[in-house]
Amino acid sequence: MRGLAEFVMTGRKQAILAVGLIGLIPVINLLSPVIVGLIMLSKGIKEAAFVFAWGILPLGVWAMVGDFVPLIMLFGISVLAFLLRETESWEFTLLAAIFIGLAVEAYLRMQPVVLDTVFIQLQPYLQQNNIQGIEEGQLRETITSIIGAVYMFLAIVLTMLSRWMQAALFNPGGFKQEIHQLRIEQKIAIGLLGLMLLASFGIIIPSSWVLYFMLPLVFSGVGLAHAVVAKRQLPRMALFAFYLMMMMPLIVQMVVLLALIDSWYDFRSRV
């Protein structure tokens, strides 16, 4: 990845060539938005606009054949990288990522054919796990929000990859320090908690939206875990075990709770 970053930062032609060729390759084409994010973070919006324009071409072709993920990521990561460059705040960037998830959900609601295709693919799983009894409208709404949350998560991770590539070239160790300091402030934490409670009880906000409000706190909790491991000089296996446990929903909820408490007590300064 560092080699790709060095090649891209050599000049505009190299960056355009990279997004053009990488954008044509399935799965690997997700690196095309990452390259645009790297240019945005390093050189600003004017230089990134040229690369962005060329990046649309191959990803637009994939969108026409049914794969919208890379194109959505191109727009989402470009926006998040721009906000991160202007604000230098991961907290603000994580909050902005919520709108990417909501935008994807809005698109799915306007294009019910896409959801119909998803439901057809899920039928064997639903029958196998006896989920047919759930009201179809409720299940449809939940799955729509889950897909939006997945896009939100992917946009954040790929933006972090762009930032890591930038730090590897110009500020070694800088990305690691940023992740260790990633923390949601009290007022924002209270706002997210309030929105999660409203969503949990289905007041004003759809209950499935709780996923969007949890994700910024999840990343804050992950940052806290990395910081504690580094400060305590624990082996890397501790992080590996942490990520394995994160596959359990209960552990994710505990991480969110720790992130909320950390907004008040700032565990990093107490370790």
Protein backbone atom coordinates (compact mmCIF):
# COMPACT_ATOMS: atom_id res chain seq x y z
CA MET A 1 0.00 0.00 0.00
CA ARG A 2 2.87 2.35 0.71
CA GLY A 3 4.26 1.66 -2.77
CA LEU A 4 0.89 2.55 -4.30
CA ALA A 5 0.77 5.75 -2.25
CA GLU A 6 4.28 6.75 -3.40
CA PHE A 7 3.36 6.11 -7.03
CA VAL A 8 0.11 8.10 -6.79
CA MET A 9 1.79 11.07 -5.12
CA THR A 10 4.44 11.28 -7.87
CA GLY A 11 2.14 13.38 -10.04
CA ARG A 12 -1.34 13.91 -11.45
CA LYS A 13 -0.83 11.58 -14.42
CA GLN A 14 0.22 8.74 -12.15
CA ALA A 15 -2.79 9.29 -9.89
CA ILE A 16 -5.20 9.33 -12.86
CA LEU A 17 -3.60 6.19 -14.28
CA ALA A 18 -3.94 4.44 -10.92
CA VAL A 19 -7.63 5.25 -10.39
CA GLY A 20 -8.38 4.36 -14.00
CA LEU A 21 -6.72 0.95 -13.97
CA ILE A 22 -7.61 -0.03 -10.40
CA GLY A 23 -11.21 1.06 -10.96
CA LEU A 24 -11.58 -1.61 -13.65
CA ILE A 25 -10.66 -4.53 -11.38
CA PRO A 26 -13.48 -6.10 -9.29
CA VAL A 27 -13.10 -5.83 -5.49
CA ILE A 28 -9.74 -4.07 -5.92
CA ASN A 29 -11.68 -1.11 -7.34
CA LEU A 30 -12.48 -0.05 -3.76
CA LEU A 31 -8.90 1.25 -3.67
CA SER A 32 -9.84 3.84 -6.30
CA PRO A 33 -11.83 5.95 -3.79
CA VAL A 34 -8.97 5.49 -1.31
CA ILE A 35 -6.57 7.07 -3.82
CA VAL A 36 -8.90 10.02 -4.32
CA GLY A 37 -9.10 10.38 -0.53
CA LEU A 38 -5.30 10.38 -0.32
CA ILE A 39 -5.05 13.14 -2.93
CA MET A 40 -7.76 15.12 -1.15
CA LEU A 41 -5.98 14.88 2.20
CA SER A 42 -2.53 15.66 0.79
CA LYS A 43 -3.12 18.17 -2.00
CA GLY A 44 -6.60 19.58 -1.48
CA ILE A 45 -9.85 19.71 -3.36
CA LYS A 46 -8.58 21.26 -6.62
CA GLU A 47 -6.06 18.52 -7.32
CA ALA A 48 -8.44 15.82 -6.07
CA ALA A 49 -11.16 17.04 -8.45
CA PHE A 50 -9.11 15.99 -11.51
CA VAL A 51 -8.49 12.51 -10.13
CA PHE A 52 -12.10 12.24 -8.96
CA ALA A 53 -13.39 13.01 -12.47
CA TRP A 54 -11.31 10.21 -13.98
CA GLY A 55 -12.22 7.86 -11.15
CA ILE A 56 -15.93 8.20 -11.96
CA LEU A 57 -15.48 6.65 -15.43
CA PRO A 58 -14.58 3.03 -14.53
CA LEU A 59 -16.68 3.01 -11.35
CA GLY A 60 -19.64 4.39 -13.30
CA VAL A 61 -19.37 1.40 -15.64
CA TRP A 62 -19.53 -0.96 -12.65
CA ALA A 63 -22.58 0.95 -11.38
CA MET A 64 -24.34 0.43 -14.72
CA VAL A 65 -23.87 -3.34 -14.43
CA GLY A 66 -25.25 -3.35 -10.88
CA ASP A 67 -22.27 -2.78 -8.52
CA PHE A 68 -22.90 0.61 -6.91
CA VAL A 69 -20.60 0.13 -3.91
CA PRO A 70 -17.36 1.58 -5.40
CA LEU A 71 -19.15 4.62 -6.87
CA ILE A 72 -20.92 5.39 -3.59
CA MET A 73 -17.61 5.00 -1.77
CA LEU A 74 -15.96 7.40 -4.23
CA PHE A 75 -18.41 10.17 -3.35
CA GLY A 76 -18.52 9.30 0.35
CA ILE A 77 -14.77 9.07 0.92
CA SER A 78 -14.13 12.24 -1.08
CA VAL A 79 -16.50 14.13 1.23
CA LEU A 80 -15.10 12.58 4.42
CA ALA A 81 -11.51 13.21 3.36
CA PHE A 82 -12.34 16.83 2.56
CA LEU A 83 -13.97 17.30 5.98
CA LEU A 84 -11.06 15.61 7.74
CA ARG A 85 -8.58 17.85 5.93
CA GLU A 86 -10.53 21.01 6.80
CA THR A 87 -11.41 20.17 10.41
CA GLU A 88 -8.57 17.83 11.46
CA SER A 89 -11.23 16.13 13.59
CA TRP A 90 -12.04 12.44 13.45
CA GLU A 91 -14.98 13.08 15.73
CA PHE A 92 -16.60 15.41 13.18
CA THR A 93 -15.71 13.04 10.33
CA LEU A 94 -17.37 10.08 12.08
CA LEU A 95 -20.53 12.12 12.63
CA ALA A 96 -20.56 13.18 8.97
CA ALA A 97 -20.34 9.51 7.95
CA ILE A 98 -23.83 9.03 9.41
CA PHE A 99 -25.23 10.96 6.45
CA ILE A 100 -23.59 8.50 4.04
CA GLY A 101 -25.51 5.66 5.65
CA LEU A 102 -28.74 7.67 5.59
CA ALA A 103 -28.16 8.61 1.93
CA VAL A 104 -27.71 4.93 1.00
CA GLU A 105 -30.88 4.06 2.90
CA ALA A 106 -32.80 6.83 1.12
CA TYR A 107 -31.58 5.51 -2.23
CA LEU A 108 -32.69 1.97 -1.38
CA ARG A 109 -36.12 3.22 -0.39
CA MET A 110 -36.44 5.02 -3.74
CA GLN A 111 -35.27 1.91 -5.59
CA PRO A 112 -37.37 -0.95 -4.16
CA VAL A 113 -36.22 -3.23 -6.98
CA VAL A 114 -32.77 -3.38 -5.35
CA LEU A 115 -34.28 -4.46 -2.03
CA ASP A 116 -36.45 -7.04 -3.79
CA THR A 117 -33.27 -8.60 -5.18
CA VAL A 118 -31.71 -8.64 -1.69
CA PHE A 119 -34.81 -10.33 -0.24
CA ILE A 120 -34.74 -13.02 -2.92
CA GLN A 121 -31.12 -13.78 -2.00
CA LEU A 122 -31.99 -13.85 1.72
CA GLN A 123 -34.95 -16.20 1.42
CA PRO A 124 -32.94 -19.40 2.07
CA TYR A 125 -31.37 -17.86 5.18
CA LEU A 126 -34.73 -16.58 6.47
CA GLN A 127 -36.35 -19.99 6.01
CA GLN A 128 -33.44 -21.81 7.61
CA ASN A 129 -33.51 -19.59 10.71
CA ASN A 130 -37.32 -19.38 10.98
CA ILE A 131 -37.45 -15.59 10.58
CA GLN A 132 -40.48 -15.74 8.32
CA GLY A 133 -42.77 -14.86 11.21
CA ILE A 134 -41.47 -11.31 11.41
CA GLU A 135 -43.61 -8.75 9.62
CA GLU A 136 -42.16 -8.21 6.16
CA GLY A 137 -42.34 -4.40 6.40
CA GLN A 138 -40.39 -4.36 9.66
CA LEU A 139 -37.81 -6.82 8.32
CA ARG A 140 -37.44 -4.79 5.14
CA GLU A 141 -36.85 -1.59 7.13
CA THR A 142 -34.26 -3.27 9.35
CA ILE A 143 -32.32 -4.76 6.45
CA THR A 144 -32.35 -1.39 4.66
CA SER A 145 -30.75 0.30 7.67
CA ILE A 146 -28.25 -2.54 8.09
CA ILE A 147 -27.11 -2.07 4.49
CA GLY A 148 -26.81 1.69 5.08
CA ALA A 149 -24.76 1.07 8.25
CA VAL A 150 -22.46 -1.28 6.34
CA TYR A 151 -21.82 1.44 3.75
CA MET A 152 -21.18 3.94 6.56
CA PHE A 153 -18.71 1.56 8.22
CA LEU A 154 -16.95 0.86 4.92
CA ALA A 155 -16.65 4.59 4.14
CA ILE A 156 -15.02 5.25 7.54
CA VAL A 157 -12.58 2.35 7.20
CA LEU A 158 -11.52 3.34 3.68
CA THR A 159 -11.11 6.98 4.74
CA MET A 160 -8.86 5.75 7.55
CA LEU A 161 -6.87 3.81 4.97
CA SER A 162 -6.38 7.04 2.98
CA ARG A 163 -5.22 8.79 6.14
CA TRP A 164 -2.86 5.93 6.98
CA MET A 165 -1.30 6.12 3.51
CA GLN A 166 -0.83 9.88 3.89
CA ALA A 167 0.78 9.46 7.30
CA ALA A 168 3.06 6.68 6.01
CA LEU A 169 4.47 9.12 3.44
CA PHE A 170 4.54 12.42 5.28
CA ASN A 171 4.01 11.80 9.00
CA PRO A 172 5.12 8.33 10.15
CA GLY A 173 3.28 7.33 13.30
CA GLY A 174 0.82 10.19 12.94
CA PHE A 175 -2.16 8.01 12.08
CA LYS A 176 -1.48 5.76 15.07
CA GLN A 177 -1.45 8.81 17.34
CA GLU A 178 -4.72 10.07 15.85
CA ILE A 179 -6.46 6.74 16.49
CA HIS A 180 -5.17 6.66 20.07
CA GLN A 181 -6.66 10.13 20.62
CA LEU A 182 -9.98 9.36 18.90
CA ARG A 183 -12.60 10.23 21.47
CA ILE A 184 -16.19 11.51 21.41
CA GLU A 185 -16.66 14.64 23.51
CA GLN A 186 -19.31 14.85 26.21
CA LYS A 187 -21.86 17.00 24.38
CA ILE A 188 -21.67 14.87 21.24
CA ALA A 189 -21.86 11.68 23.33
CA ILE A 190 -25.00 12.96 25.07
CA GLY A 191 -26.53 13.76 21.68
CA LEU A 192 -25.73 10.31 20.30
CA LEU A 193 -27.04 8.64 23.45
CA GLY A 194 -30.28 10.63 23.22
CA LEU A 195 -30.73 9.67 19.57
CA MET A 196 -30.05 6.01 20.38
CA LEU A 197 -32.68 6.07 23.13
CA LEU A 198 -35.25 7.69 20.83
CA ALA A 199 -34.49 5.12 18.15
CA SER A 200 -34.62 2.22 20.63
CA PHE A 201 -38.18 3.18 21.63
CA GLY A 202 -39.18 4.14 18.08
CA ILE A 203 -39.89 7.75 19.05
CA ILE A 204 -39.66 10.11 16.05
CA ILE A 205 -36.64 8.15 14.76
CA PRO A 206 -36.94 4.64 13.21
CA SER A 207 -35.66 1.98 15.59
CA SER A 208 -33.28 0.61 12.94
CA TRP A 209 -31.36 3.91 12.89
CA VAL A 210 -29.73 3.06 16.21
CA LEU A 211 -26.92 1.45 14.17
CA TYR A 212 -25.93 4.80 12.66
CA PHE A 213 -25.62 6.47 16.05
CA MET A 214 -23.66 3.57 17.55
CA LEU A 215 -20.89 3.44 14.95
CA PRO A 216 -19.07 6.68 15.95
CA LEU A 217 -18.96 5.36 19.52
CA VAL A 218 -17.75 1.96 18.31
CA PHE A 219 -14.79 3.60 16.58
CA SER A 220 -14.15 5.69 19.69
CA GLY A 221 -14.11 2.51 21.74
CA VAL A 222 -11.71 0.88 19.28
CA GLY A 223 -9.43 3.91 19.59
CA LEU A 224 -9.56 3.57 23.36
CA ALA A 225 -8.59 -0.11 23.12
CA HIS A 226 -5.60 0.70 20.90
CA ALA A 227 -4.51 3.48 23.27
CA VAL A 228 -4.71 1.26 26.36
CA VAL A 229 -2.77 -1.55 24.66
CA ALA A 230 -0.06 0.91 23.62
CA LYS A 231 0.17 2.66 27.01
CA ARG A 232 0.23 -0.64 28.91
CA GLN A 233 2.68 -2.08 26.36
CA LEU A 234 0.51 -5.16 25.98
CA PRO A 235 1.26 -7.72 23.23
CA ARG A 236 -0.43 -7.28 19.86
CA MET A 237 -2.34 -10.49 20.49
CA ALA A 238 -4.44 -8.47 22.92
CA LEU A 239 -5.78 -6.41 20.02
CA PHE A 240 -6.28 -9.54 17.95
CA ALA A 241 -8.36 -11.04 20.77
CA PHE A 242 -10.27 -7.77 21.11
CA TYR A 243 -11.26 -7.78 17.45
CA LEU A 244 -12.30 -11.42 17.66
CA MET A 245 -14.58 -10.61 20.59
CA MET A 246 -16.00 -7.66 18.64
CA MET A 247 -17.75 -10.21 16.44
CA MET A 248 -20.21 -10.74 19.32
CA PRO A 249 -23.02 -8.15 19.59
CA LEU A 250 -22.77 -8.08 23.40
CA ILE A 251 -19.10 -7.05 23.21
CA VAL A 252 -19.95 -4.32 20.70
CA GLN A 253 -22.53 -2.95 23.14
CA MET A 254 -19.95 -3.01 25.92
CA VAL A 255 -17.49 -1.11 23.69
CA VAL A 256 -20.17 1.52 23.03
CA LEU A 257 -20.80 1.80 26.79
CA LEU A 258 -17.07 2.21 27.48
CA ALA A 259 -16.85 4.90 24.80
CA LEU A 260 -19.71 6.79 26.44
CA ILE A 261 -18.07 6.57 29.88
CA ASP A 262 -14.75 7.58 28.34
CA SER A 263 -16.37 10.82 27.15
CA TRP A 264 -16.59 11.84 30.82
CA TYR A 265 -13.65 10.11 32.48
CA ASP A 266 -11.05 10.08 29.67
CA PHE A 267 -9.49 6.72 30.50
CA ARG A 268 -6.44 7.47 28.33
CA SER A 269 -5.23 10.15 30.71
CA ARG A 270 -5.80 7.86 33.71
CA VAL A 271 -3.90 4.84 32.36
